[in-house]
Protein backbone atom coordinates (compact mmCIF):
# COMPACT_ATOMS: atom_id res chain seq x y z
CA UNK A 1 50.94 16.03 -2.71
CA UNK A 2 53.61 18.84 -1.95
CA UNK A 3 54.71 21.07 -5.38
CA UNK A 4 58.27 19.68 -5.98
CA UNK A 5 60.70 22.26 -7.79
CA UNK A 6 59.66 19.87 -11.51
CA UNK A 7 56.32 20.29 -10.86
CA UNK A 8 56.89 24.11 -10.38
CA UNK A 9 59.46 24.27 -13.25
CA UNK A 10 56.37 22.90 -15.44
CA UNK A 11 53.60 25.30 -14.46
CA UNK A 12 56.24 28.35 -14.55
CA UNK A 13 57.09 27.38 -18.35
CA UNK A 14 52.99 26.69 -18.74
CA UNK A 15 52.12 30.56 -17.34
CA UNK A 16 49.56 29.03 -14.74
CA UNK A 17 50.34 31.60 -12.14
CA UNK A 18 46.71 30.47 -10.45
CA UNK A 19 47.94 27.12 -9.95
CA UNK A 20 51.63 28.04 -8.47
CA UNK A 21 49.64 30.76 -5.69
CA UNK A 22 46.44 28.56 -5.06
CA UNK A 23 48.29 25.05 -4.94
CA UNK A 24 47.41 24.18 -1.43
CA UNK A 25 43.95 25.27 -1.58
CA UNK A 26 43.10 23.30 -4.71
CA UNK A 27 44.54 20.31 -2.69
CA UNK A 28 42.12 20.76 0.00
CA UNK A 29 39.14 21.25 -2.17
CA UNK A 30 40.34 17.95 -3.84
CA UNK A 31 40.51 16.25 -0.29
CA UNK A 32 37.10 17.31 0.77
CA UNK A 33 35.41 15.41 -2.34
CA UNK A 34 32.60 17.57 -3.07
CA UNK A 35 33.85 17.96 -6.62
CA UNK A 36 33.70 15.67 -9.49
CA UNK A 37 36.54 15.13 -11.07
CA UNK A 38 35.11 17.09 -14.17
CA UNK A 39 33.92 19.86 -12.07
CA UNK A 40 37.33 20.43 -10.13
CA UNK A 41 38.74 20.80 -13.40
CA UNK A 42 36.28 23.08 -14.61
CA UNK A 43 37.17 25.20 -11.58
CA UNK A 44 40.56 25.18 -11.49
CA UNK A 45 40.54 26.10 -15.34
CA UNK A 46 37.98 28.79 -14.79
CA UNK A 47 40.31 30.48 -11.82
CA UNK A 48 43.15 30.34 -14.55
CA UNK A 49 40.96 31.95 -17.18
CA UNK A 50 39.76 34.78 -14.88
CA UNK A 51 43.87 35.22 -13.88
CA UNK A 52 44.49 35.66 -17.50
CA UNK A 53 41.64 37.64 -18.53
CA UNK A 54 42.33 40.33 -15.75
CA UNK A 55 45.79 40.86 -16.78
CA UNK A 56 44.96 40.75 -20.09
CA UNK A 57 42.63 43.68 -19.32
CA UNK A 58 45.37 45.49 -17.13
CA UNK A 59 47.61 45.31 -20.02
CA UNK A 60 45.47 46.79 -22.35
CA UNK A 61 44.45 49.60 -19.95
CA UNK A 62 48.04 50.41 -19.71
CA UNK A 63 48.69 50.28 -23.58
CA UNK A 64 45.77 52.89 -23.45
CA UNK A 65 47.87 55.36 -22.09
CA UNK A 66 44.99 56.70 -19.90
CA UNK A 67 46.22 59.47 -17.55
CA UNK A 68 43.70 58.83 -15.01
CA UNK A 69 41.75 55.86 -14.93
CA UNK A 70 38.16 57.27 -14.31
CA UNK A 71 35.05 55.11 -14.03
CA UNK A 72 31.16 56.15 -14.89
CA UNK A 73 30.23 54.88 -11.41
CA UNK A 74 32.53 57.76 -10.00
CA UNK A 75 31.33 60.76 -11.78
CA UNK A 76 29.95 63.24 -9.60
CA UNK A 77 26.53 63.50 -11.44
CA UNK A 78 25.09 65.46 -8.34
CA UNK A 79 27.47 68.38 -8.65
CA UNK A 80 26.55 69.05 -12.34
CA UNK A 81 22.80 69.30 -12.42
CA UNK A 82 22.78 70.64 -15.97
CA UNK A 83 24.52 67.54 -17.39
CA UNK A 84 21.56 64.60 -18.05
CA UNK A 85 22.74 61.90 -16.14
CA UNK A 86 20.17 59.79 -17.85
CA UNK A 87 21.49 60.70 -21.39
CA UNK A 88 24.92 59.96 -20.51
CA UNK A 89 24.27 56.62 -19.30
CA UNK A 90 21.47 55.73 -22.03
CA UNK A 91 24.34 56.40 -24.00
CA UNK A 92 27.19 54.62 -21.83
CA UNK A 93 24.73 51.44 -21.94
CA UNK A 94 24.08 51.58 -25.82
CA UNK A 95 25.84 49.50 -28.71
CA UNK A 96 27.50 52.84 -29.42
CA UNK A 97 31.04 50.80 -29.92
CA UNK A 98 29.73 48.56 -32.61
CA UNK A 99 28.04 50.98 -34.52
CA UNK A 100 31.42 52.98 -34.49
CA UNK A 101 29.38 56.23 -33.41
CA UNK A 102 31.51 58.97 -32.13
CA UNK A 103 30.56 60.72 -29.02
CA UNK A 104 31.88 64.47 -28.25
CA UNK A 105 31.62 66.47 -25.32
CA UNK A 106 32.01 70.18 -25.73
CA UNK A 107 32.46 72.59 -22.91
CA UNK A 108 34.55 74.54 -20.04
CA UNK A 109 37.88 73.49 -18.63
CA UNK A 110 37.25 71.70 -15.35
CA UNK A 111 33.87 70.45 -16.12
CA UNK A 112 34.61 66.48 -16.11
CA UNK A 113 34.73 66.00 -19.87
CA UNK A 114 38.09 64.06 -19.80
CA UNK A 115 36.57 62.05 -16.57
CA UNK A 116 33.44 61.20 -18.51
CA UNK A 117 35.57 60.63 -21.76
CA UNK A 118 38.12 58.65 -19.99
CA UNK A 119 35.16 56.33 -18.13
CA UNK A 120 33.82 55.44 -21.60
CA UNK A 121 37.37 54.36 -22.68
CA UNK A 122 37.87 52.18 -19.66
CA UNK A 123 34.54 50.56 -20.37
CA UNK A 124 35.46 50.15 -23.92
CA UNK A 125 38.68 48.11 -22.66
CA UNK A 126 36.63 46.27 -20.21
CA UNK A 127 34.60 44.98 -22.95
CA UNK A 128 37.32 43.76 -24.73
CA UNK A 129 37.85 46.56 -27.32
CA UNK A 130 41.53 48.16 -28.10
CA UNK A 131 41.60 51.61 -26.96
CA UNK A 132 44.21 54.73 -26.79
CA UNK A 133 43.90 58.03 -25.12
CA UNK A 134 45.72 61.01 -26.96
CA UNK A 135 45.89 64.58 -26.19
CA UNK A 136 45.44 66.64 -29.25
CA UNK A 137 48.46 68.29 -29.12
CA UNK A 138 50.09 65.29 -29.10
CA UNK A 139 48.58 63.68 -31.68
CA UNK A 140 48.94 66.20 -34.38
CA UNK A 141 52.62 66.37 -33.28
CA UNK A 142 52.61 62.64 -33.98
CA UNK A 143 51.09 62.85 -36.98
CA UNK A 144 53.75 66.29 -38.57
CA UNK A 145 56.89 63.76 -37.18
CA UNK A 146 55.62 61.04 -39.01
CA UNK A 147 55.42 63.22 -42.48
CA UNK A 148 59.35 63.61 -41.92
CA UNK A 149 60.14 60.09 -40.99
CA UNK A 150 58.35 59.13 -44.13
CA UNK A 151 55.77 56.74 -41.75
CA UNK A 152 52.49 58.60 -42.35
CA UNK A 153 51.02 55.31 -43.75
CA UNK A 154 52.06 53.14 -40.70
CA UNK A 155 51.14 55.89 -38.35
CA UNK A 156 47.41 56.29 -39.81
CA UNK A 157 46.88 53.18 -39.65
CA UNK A 158 47.72 52.71 -36.20
CA UNK A 159 45.61 55.24 -35.04
CA UNK A 160 42.41 53.96 -37.15
CA UNK A 161 42.67 50.49 -35.99
CA UNK A 162 41.71 51.24 -32.42
CA UNK A 163 38.46 49.87 -31.91
CA UNK A 164 37.56 53.14 -29.58
CA UNK A 165 40.16 56.23 -29.64
CA UNK A 166 39.90 59.21 -27.16
CA UNK A 167 41.16 62.37 -28.42
CA UNK A 168 41.43 65.04 -25.35
CA UNK A 169 40.98 68.94 -25.68
CA UNK A 170 40.67 69.45 -29.60
CA UNK A 171 41.84 72.57 -30.02
CA UNK A 172 44.54 74.49 -27.93
CA UNK A 173 47.08 74.83 -30.58
CA UNK A 174 47.63 76.11 -33.54
CA UNK A 175 48.20 73.34 -36.46
CA UNK A 176 49.89 73.14 -40.03
CA UNK A 177 47.94 72.43 -42.94
CA UNK A 178 50.02 68.79 -43.31
CA UNK A 179 48.33 68.40 -39.63
CA UNK A 180 45.05 69.07 -40.43
CA UNK A 181 45.05 67.07 -43.57
CA UNK A 182 46.46 63.94 -42.12
CA UNK A 183 43.87 64.53 -39.36
CA UNK A 184 40.99 64.54 -41.45
CA UNK A 185 42.29 61.64 -43.17
CA UNK A 186 42.42 59.65 -39.75
CA UNK A 187 38.98 61.01 -38.99
CA UNK A 188 37.52 59.69 -42.43
CA UNK A 189 39.38 56.49 -41.98
CA UNK A 190 37.45 55.98 -38.51
CA UNK A 191 34.01 57.50 -39.72
CA UNK A 192 31.28 54.98 -39.37
CA UNK A 193 34.07 52.29 -38.76
CA UNK A 194 35.43 53.05 -35.44
CA UNK A 195 34.24 54.86 -32.18
CA UNK A 196 35.97 58.24 -31.50
CA UNK A 197 35.47 59.79 -28.81
CA UNK A 198 36.41 63.83 -28.36
CA UNK A 199 36.38 66.79 -25.84
CA UNK A 200 36.91 70.30 -26.76
CA UNK A 201 36.63 73.44 -24.86
CA UNK A 202 35.79 74.99 -28.21
CA UNK A 203 31.85 74.90 -30.22
CA UNK A 204 32.18 73.78 -33.55
CA UNK A 205 31.81 77.41 -34.82
CA UNK A 206 35.18 78.05 -33.18
CA UNK A 207 37.06 75.32 -34.55
CA UNK A 208 38.21 77.13 -37.44
CA UNK A 209 40.21 79.38 -35.31
CA UNK A 210 43.12 76.50 -34.86
CA UNK A 211 42.74 74.10 -38.02
CA UNK A 212 42.76 77.44 -40.14
CA UNK A 213 41.11 75.96 -42.80
CA UNK A 214 37.42 76.72 -43.54
CA UNK A 215 36.19 74.01 -46.03
CA UNK A 216 38.45 70.85 -44.13
CA UNK A 217 36.76 71.89 -40.89
CA UNK A 218 33.48 71.96 -42.39
CA UNK A 219 34.01 68.62 -43.76
CA UNK A 220 35.75 67.34 -40.65
CA UNK A 221 32.59 68.73 -38.47
CA UNK A 222 30.29 67.03 -41.04
CA UNK A 223 31.73 63.58 -41.12
CA UNK A 224 32.35 63.83 -36.87
CA UNK A 225 28.68 64.90 -35.84
CA UNK A 226 27.17 62.60 -38.63
CA UNK A 227 27.51 59.44 -36.40
CA UNK A 228 27.48 60.80 -33.34
CA UNK A 229 26.53 61.99 -29.61
CA UNK A 230 26.88 65.58 -28.76
CA UNK A 231 26.98 66.42 -25.31
CA UNK A 232 26.99 70.11 -24.30
CA UNK A 233 28.78 71.08 -21.36
CA UNK A 234 28.95 74.67 -21.82
CA UNK A 235 26.67 75.35 -18.89
CA UNK A 236 28.23 72.86 -16.38
CA UNK A 237 30.18 74.39 -13.78
CA UNK A 238 34.00 73.73 -12.89
CA UNK A 239 34.56 70.56 -10.60
CA UNK A 240 38.15 71.98 -9.69
CA UNK A 241 38.56 72.70 -6.44
CA UNK A 242 39.31 76.55 -5.84
CA UNK A 243 42.02 78.38 -4.20
CA UNK A 244 40.98 80.73 -1.52
CA UNK A 245 43.10 84.10 -1.14
CA UNK A 246 45.42 84.04 1.68
């Protein structure tokens, strides 16, 4: 049975791309008679389900706005001998997402903090969680703009709602008091409810240098570290290629 225009139209309307693409293959399987009717239908439905799941996963990754889609399998642990692969993988394989635990990477530029954090975010999305990558300067700017737009409530709700939120490179920019307050509110709403991944070049003792509020900084660190894994990468080497003088 060849696919006529009417059948093609119906399959497109039902959004069954697998059936359209694999029609001849499915007919060949049916002709061989190796499948019962029930098993044959389950096979086709299973193929369509896999296609839709992969499409949904791909869309979720795109919506997460991850600049580079790293996966844990490709991280060069052999180049970071002072980083415990066992510790990283134990956290990766744990139930940190369902327990709303935070993971904080602290270390120098180029040591692989963002790559590792991104691989954890990719894992969360693959497991069906809603995730988002955002650089800290971008996040505080969005929060600041929401004050001018009177959209603080909706912006906070959006960022608080992600199952896994990666905030990259905490620091770098000085923030206004209103931004510090909103950021603290966001972290408070996520506390013990959603997993937050944070990378920073600065140790906790240096966070007051950009947050400019000793009391809120202490309270923020207290909440972030109460239910978290802290990965110290201060002694790790830069993985970025070094330019040699001409």
